[in-house]
Protein backbone atom coordinates (compact mmCIF):
# COMPACT_ATOMS: atom_id res chain seq x y z
CA UNK A 1 19.22 -16.82 -5.89
CA UNK A 2 18.95 -18.25 -9.40
CA UNK A 3 22.37 -19.89 -8.94
CA UNK A 4 21.16 -21.58 -5.75
CA UNK A 5 18.10 -23.02 -7.57
CA UNK A 6 20.36 -24.24 -10.39
CA UNK A 7 22.69 -25.96 -7.89
CA UNK A 8 19.75 -27.74 -6.26
CA UNK A 9 18.54 -28.92 -9.67
CA UNK A 10 21.99 -30.37 -10.45
CA UNK A 11 22.07 -32.22 -7.13
CA UNK A 12 18.75 -33.93 -7.86
CA UNK A 13 19.32 -34.63 -11.55
CA UNK A 14 19.47 -38.34 -12.40
CA UNK A 15 22.96 -39.67 -12.92
CA UNK A 16 23.84 -40.19 -16.55
CA UNK A 17 25.76 -43.20 -17.73
CA UNK A 18 29.11 -42.48 -19.29
CA UNK A 19 28.79 -43.07 -23.01
CA UNK A 20 31.84 -44.42 -24.79
CA UNK A 21 34.23 -42.10 -26.53
CA UNK A 22 35.79 -42.31 -29.98
CA UNK A 23 38.33 -44.91 -28.84
CA UNK A 24 35.58 -47.34 -27.77
CA UNK A 25 33.64 -46.79 -30.99
CA UNK A 26 36.74 -47.53 -33.07
CA UNK A 27 37.27 -50.69 -31.00
CA UNK A 28 33.69 -51.81 -31.69
CA UNK A 29 34.19 -51.04 -35.39
CA UNK A 30 37.30 -53.25 -35.40
CA UNK A 31 35.33 -56.07 -33.73
CA UNK A 32 32.60 -55.72 -36.38
CA UNK A 33 35.27 -55.79 -39.10
CA UNK A 34 36.78 -58.98 -37.67
CA UNK A 35 33.38 -60.67 -37.54
CA UNK A 36 32.82 -59.67 -41.19
CA UNK A 37 36.21 -61.14 -42.12
CA UNK A 38 35.20 -64.40 -40.40
CA UNK A 39 31.91 -64.39 -42.33
CA UNK A 40 33.72 -64.05 -45.66
CA UNK A 41 36.30 -66.64 -44.63
CA UNK A 42 33.61 -69.16 -43.62
CA UNK A 43 31.86 -68.66 -46.97
CA UNK A 44 34.95 -69.84 -48.84
CA UNK A 45 35.62 -72.96 -46.75
CA UNK A 46 34.21 -75.93 -48.71
CA UNK A 47 33.69 -78.10 -45.61
CA UNK A 48 31.42 -75.43 -44.07
CA UNK A 49 28.81 -75.61 -46.85
CA UNK A 50 26.44 -77.81 -44.82
CA UNK A 51 26.37 -75.35 -41.88
CA UNK A 52 26.95 -72.16 -43.85
CA UNK A 53 23.51 -70.60 -43.38
CA UNK A 54 23.25 -71.09 -39.59
CA UNK A 55 26.84 -69.88 -39.08
CA UNK A 56 26.32 -66.78 -41.21
CA UNK A 57 22.98 -66.05 -39.54
CA UNK A 58 24.58 -66.39 -36.11
CA UNK A 59 27.47 -64.10 -36.99
CA UNK A 60 25.08 -61.58 -38.53
CA UNK A 61 22.91 -61.67 -35.41
CA UNK A 62 26.00 -61.10 -33.29
CA UNK A 63 26.94 -58.06 -35.38
CA UNK A 64 23.37 -56.79 -35.23
CA UNK A 65 23.37 -57.12 -31.45
CA UNK A 66 26.66 -55.26 -31.13
CA UNK A 67 25.41 -52.43 -33.35
CA UNK A 68 22.14 -52.21 -31.45
CA UNK A 69 23.77 -52.27 -28.03
CA UNK A 70 26.60 -49.81 -28.73
CA UNK A 71 25.68 -47.58 -31.66
CA UNK A 72 21.97 -47.40 -30.83
CA UNK A 73 22.92 -46.97 -27.14
CA UNK A 74 20.68 -49.78 -25.83
CA UNK A 75 23.56 -50.83 -23.59
CA UNK A 76 23.19 -47.57 -21.70
CA UNK A 77 19.39 -47.54 -21.45
CA UNK A 78 17.20 -49.36 -18.96
CA UNK A 79 17.60 -53.15 -19.16
CA UNK A 80 13.91 -53.53 -20.01
CA UNK A 81 14.52 -51.90 -23.40
CA UNK A 82 17.28 -54.37 -24.16
CA UNK A 83 15.02 -57.30 -23.26
CA UNK A 84 12.16 -55.89 -25.33
CA UNK A 85 14.56 -55.67 -28.25
CA UNK A 86 16.57 -58.89 -27.86
CA UNK A 87 13.83 -61.40 -26.99
CA UNK A 88 11.67 -60.75 -30.08
CA UNK A 89 14.80 -60.81 -32.26
CA UNK A 90 15.79 -64.17 -30.79
CA UNK A 91 12.29 -65.54 -31.38
CA UNK A 92 12.37 -64.28 -34.97
CA UNK A 93 15.77 -65.90 -35.52
CA UNK A 94 14.51 -69.21 -34.16
CA UNK A 95 11.47 -69.05 -36.44
CA UNK A 96 13.69 -68.35 -39.46
CA UNK A 97 16.02 -71.22 -38.55
CA UNK A 98 13.04 -73.55 -38.05
CA UNK A 99 11.62 -72.57 -41.44
CA UNK A 100 15.00 -73.12 -43.10
CA UNK A 101 15.19 -76.54 -41.48
CA UNK A 102 11.60 -77.37 -42.41
CA UNK A 103 11.93 -76.41 -46.07
CA UNK A 104 15.55 -77.51 -46.64
CA UNK A 105 15.97 -80.00 -49.45
């Protein structure tokens, strides 16, 4: 009888999303490494000096988003959580960029 109750519980349990395995995590780590390489490369290009800060901030935000979505599992949670996380971060980034622009020499 206990087995029957357990079977019914399994049938009504909410479906879980498949979380990525080690292969996917290594792939994400490689993507983060490549973005970091681009950040370092951009820093050493003399012609990029006038757009260096916005480019580095954008690449850092991209890496932050990837880490939040994959390693903090926001990608697998309800979409509302992602919006509650991403929208304030985008607003904060825009405020920082506006302040940089406002106070740039």
